[in-house]
Amino acid sequence: MRRLLLLSLVFLTACISTTVDVQLLKTQQPARPPDCPVNILAENKAPYPVEDLAILSVSYAPGGRDSAMNRLREQTCYYGGDTLYAITETPRNNASTLISARIARRPVE
């Protein structure tokens, strides 16, 4: 029973991600609807004109990368963005990894 409880605890912490830091680069913009479409780019620079809104850092436990990416998507909508780019991952220790990204939006025409 004790082993099952320990395994359950490890599984639950693996799925958890926590926002560690938000650096606003502009005055906060109106939020977009939850689950808004977000372009996730692997590049360090967006291939189209964007206006940077924030830099967000999320910490996650082993196995929690999907949860962290979902949090980044949600926060992109919350901060009024439509683009997530310059994504970097840095191991913090054996128990967590830090993922950071820029939240941006295409300029309003």
Protein backbone atom coordinates (compact mmCIF):
# COMPACT_ATOMS: atom_id res chain seq x y z
CA MET A 1 0.00 0.00 0.00
CA ARG A 2 2.80 2.38 0.88
CA ARG A 3 4.53 1.72 -2.43
CA LEU A 4 1.28 2.41 -4.33
CA LEU A 5 0.86 5.70 -2.47
CA LEU A 6 4.43 6.71 -3.28
CA LEU A 7 3.98 5.83 -6.97
CA SER A 8 0.74 7.83 -7.07
CA LEU A 9 2.50 10.83 -5.55
CA VAL A 10 5.34 10.61 -8.08
CA PHE A 11 2.83 10.37 -10.95
CA LEU A 12 0.87 13.40 -9.73
CA THR A 13 3.95 15.59 -9.33
CA ALA A 14 5.13 14.57 -12.80
CA CYS A 15 2.02 16.13 -14.31
CA ILE A 16 2.34 19.43 -12.47
CA SER A 17 3.77 22.60 -13.94
CA THR A 18 4.09 25.92 -12.17
CA THR A 19 4.52 29.42 -13.54
CA VAL A 20 7.76 30.68 -12.01
CA ASP A 21 8.19 34.12 -13.57
CA VAL A 22 6.37 36.55 -15.84
CA GLN A 23 8.20 39.55 -17.23
CA LEU A 24 5.82 41.96 -18.97
CA LEU A 25 7.44 43.75 -21.89
CA LYS A 26 4.39 45.98 -22.52
CA THR A 27 1.35 47.05 -20.60
CA GLN A 28 -0.84 43.99 -20.26
CA GLN A 29 -3.11 43.57 -23.27
CA PRO A 30 -6.72 42.36 -23.13
CA ALA A 31 -6.92 38.59 -22.81
CA ARG A 32 -7.95 36.51 -25.77
CA PRO A 33 -10.52 33.73 -25.36
CA PRO A 34 -9.30 30.59 -23.55
CA ASP A 35 -8.03 27.97 -26.00
CA CYS A 36 -7.35 30.65 -28.62
CA PRO A 37 -5.18 29.53 -31.54
CA VAL A 38 -1.48 29.92 -30.74
CA ASN A 39 1.39 29.58 -33.22
CA ILE A 40 4.23 27.73 -31.48
CA LEU A 41 7.50 28.40 -33.25
CA ALA A 42 10.78 26.56 -32.76
CA GLU A 43 12.76 29.57 -33.98
CA ASN A 44 14.43 32.15 -31.74
CA LYS A 45 12.96 34.85 -33.95
CA ALA A 46 9.47 34.88 -35.41
CA PRO A 47 9.43 34.66 -39.24
CA TYR A 48 6.77 37.38 -39.38
CA PRO A 49 6.42 40.74 -37.61
CA VAL A 50 5.43 40.38 -33.94
CA GLU A 51 5.11 42.61 -30.93
CA ASP A 52 6.64 40.99 -27.83
CA LEU A 53 4.31 41.07 -24.84
CA ALA A 54 5.97 38.98 -22.13
CA ILE A 55 8.59 36.40 -21.25
CA LEU A 56 7.14 33.50 -19.29
CA SER A 57 8.99 30.80 -17.34
CA VAL A 58 7.34 27.57 -16.21
CA SER A 59 8.88 24.85 -14.06
CA TYR A 60 7.90 21.22 -14.50
CA ALA A 61 8.77 17.86 -12.98
CA PRO A 62 9.97 14.89 -15.06
CA GLY A 63 7.14 13.80 -17.34
CA GLY A 64 5.40 17.17 -17.06
CA ARG A 65 6.53 18.79 -20.32
CA ASP A 66 3.09 18.49 -21.94
CA SER A 67 1.55 20.17 -18.91
CA ALA A 68 4.13 22.96 -19.13
CA MET A 69 3.46 23.50 -22.84
CA ASN A 70 -0.29 23.62 -22.17
CA ARG A 71 0.32 26.23 -19.48
CA LEU A 72 2.41 28.30 -21.94
CA ARG A 73 -0.43 28.10 -24.50
CA GLU A 74 -3.01 29.15 -21.90
CA GLN A 75 -0.85 32.03 -20.70
CA THR A 76 -0.27 33.19 -24.29
CA CYS A 77 -4.03 33.68 -24.64
CA TYR A 78 -4.29 35.25 -21.16
CA TYR A 79 -1.62 37.86 -21.98
CA GLY A 80 -3.25 38.67 -25.34
CA GLY A 81 -0.76 36.88 -27.56
CA ASP A 82 -1.08 34.64 -30.58
CA THR A 83 2.55 33.51 -30.93
CA LEU A 84 4.89 31.59 -28.66
CA TYR A 85 8.55 31.47 -29.68
CA ALA A 86 12.18 31.46 -28.46
CA ILE A 87 11.42 28.41 -26.32
CA THR A 88 14.33 27.26 -24.15
CA GLU A 89 14.51 24.43 -21.64
CA THR A 90 17.01 24.39 -18.78
CA PRO A 91 17.33 21.55 -16.27
CA ARG A 92 17.22 23.03 -12.76
CA ASN A 93 18.03 19.84 -10.87
CA ASN A 94 17.05 16.17 -10.98
CA ALA A 95 13.49 17.07 -10.01
CA SER A 96 12.56 19.92 -12.34
CA THR A 97 13.18 21.69 -15.62
CA LEU A 98 12.57 25.34 -16.45
CA ILE A 99 10.99 26.18 -19.81
CA SER A 100 10.91 29.82 -20.93
CA ALA A 101 9.34 31.42 -23.98
CA ARG A 102 8.39 34.76 -25.46
CA ILE A 103 4.73 35.60 -25.82
CA ALA A 104 3.99 37.86 -28.77
CA ARG A 105 1.21 38.97 -31.06
CA ARG A 106 1.04 40.05 -34.64
CA PRO A 107 0.65 43.83 -34.86
CA VAL A 108 -2.91 45.02 -35.15
CA GLU A 109 -3.48 46.62 -38.55
